[in-house]
Amino acid sequence: MANGHQGHMPSSGRALVISAWLTGVYFVIELGIGLWTGSIAVISDAFHTFSAHIYVYTLLCF
């Protein structure tokens, strides 16, 4: 008898997916604002956010 939860991602996996999407979107927005304003500090912070995005994405793959 199926418990109805087959095929669903565990809550921790769902949280990682949400985190990956949010950090990815935040990176794009922050990079765009940094390029638009010409702020090297904001561009640098955007790439710091990107490194966090890559870390979360790596956790999803393994």
Protein backbone atom coordinates (compact mmCIF):
# COMPACT_ATOMS: atom_id res chain seq x y z
CA MET A 1 0.00 0.00 0.00
CA ALA A 2 1.46 3.34 -1.04
CA ASN A 3 1.82 6.00 1.61
CA GLY A 4 1.20 8.85 -0.85
CA HIS A 5 4.65 10.35 -0.37
CA GLN A 6 6.50 8.55 -3.11
CA GLY A 7 8.01 10.85 -5.70
CA HIS A 8 8.06 13.82 -3.38
CA MET A 9 11.31 15.51 -2.47
CA PRO A 10 12.17 15.47 1.25
CA SER A 11 11.64 18.79 2.99
CA SER A 12 15.40 19.37 3.28
CA GLY A 13 15.77 18.90 -0.49
CA ARG A 14 12.91 21.28 -1.14
CA ALA A 15 14.59 23.86 1.09
CA LEU A 16 17.82 23.52 -0.90
CA VAL A 17 15.96 24.03 -4.18
CA ILE A 18 14.28 27.15 -2.82
CA SER A 19 17.61 28.41 -1.49
CA ALA A 20 19.31 27.79 -4.84
CA TRP A 21 16.61 29.71 -6.70
CA LEU A 22 16.65 32.62 -4.25
CA THR A 23 20.44 32.99 -4.25
CA GLY A 24 20.49 32.73 -8.04
CA VAL A 25 17.84 35.41 -8.48
CA TYR A 26 19.51 37.62 -5.87
CA PHE A 27 22.84 37.25 -7.68
CA VAL A 28 21.36 38.36 -11.01
CA ILE A 29 19.59 41.35 -9.45
CA GLU A 30 22.63 42.40 -7.43
CA LEU A 31 24.96 42.02 -10.41
CA GLY A 32 22.63 44.08 -12.58
CA ILE A 33 22.43 46.85 -10.01
CA GLY A 34 26.20 46.78 -9.54
CA LEU A 35 26.81 47.07 -13.27
CA TRP A 36 24.15 49.77 -13.63
CA THR A 37 25.60 51.90 -10.84
CA GLY A 38 29.22 51.05 -11.60
CA SER A 39 29.81 49.96 -8.00
CA ILE A 40 32.71 47.55 -7.71
CA ALA A 41 31.68 46.77 -4.12
CA VAL A 42 28.20 45.64 -5.19
CA ILE A 43 29.61 43.63 -8.11
CA SER A 44 32.07 41.99 -5.72
CA ASP A 45 29.27 41.14 -3.30
CA ALA A 46 27.24 39.73 -6.19
CA PHE A 47 30.01 37.28 -6.98
CA HIS A 48 30.25 36.39 -3.30
CA THR A 49 26.53 35.56 -3.49
CA PHE A 50 27.24 33.55 -6.63
CA SER A 51 29.77 31.44 -4.73
CA ALA A 52 27.04 30.65 -2.17
CA HIS A 53 24.73 29.73 -5.05
CA ILE A 54 27.31 27.32 -6.46
CA TYR A 55 27.73 25.74 -3.01
CA VAL A 56 23.98 25.17 -2.63
CA TYR A 57 23.72 23.84 -6.18
CA THR A 58 26.59 21.44 -5.43
CA LEU A 59 24.73 20.16 -2.38
CA LEU A 60 21.72 19.47 -4.59
CA CYS A 61 23.77 17.43 -7.04
CA PHE A 62 25.43 15.22 -4.43
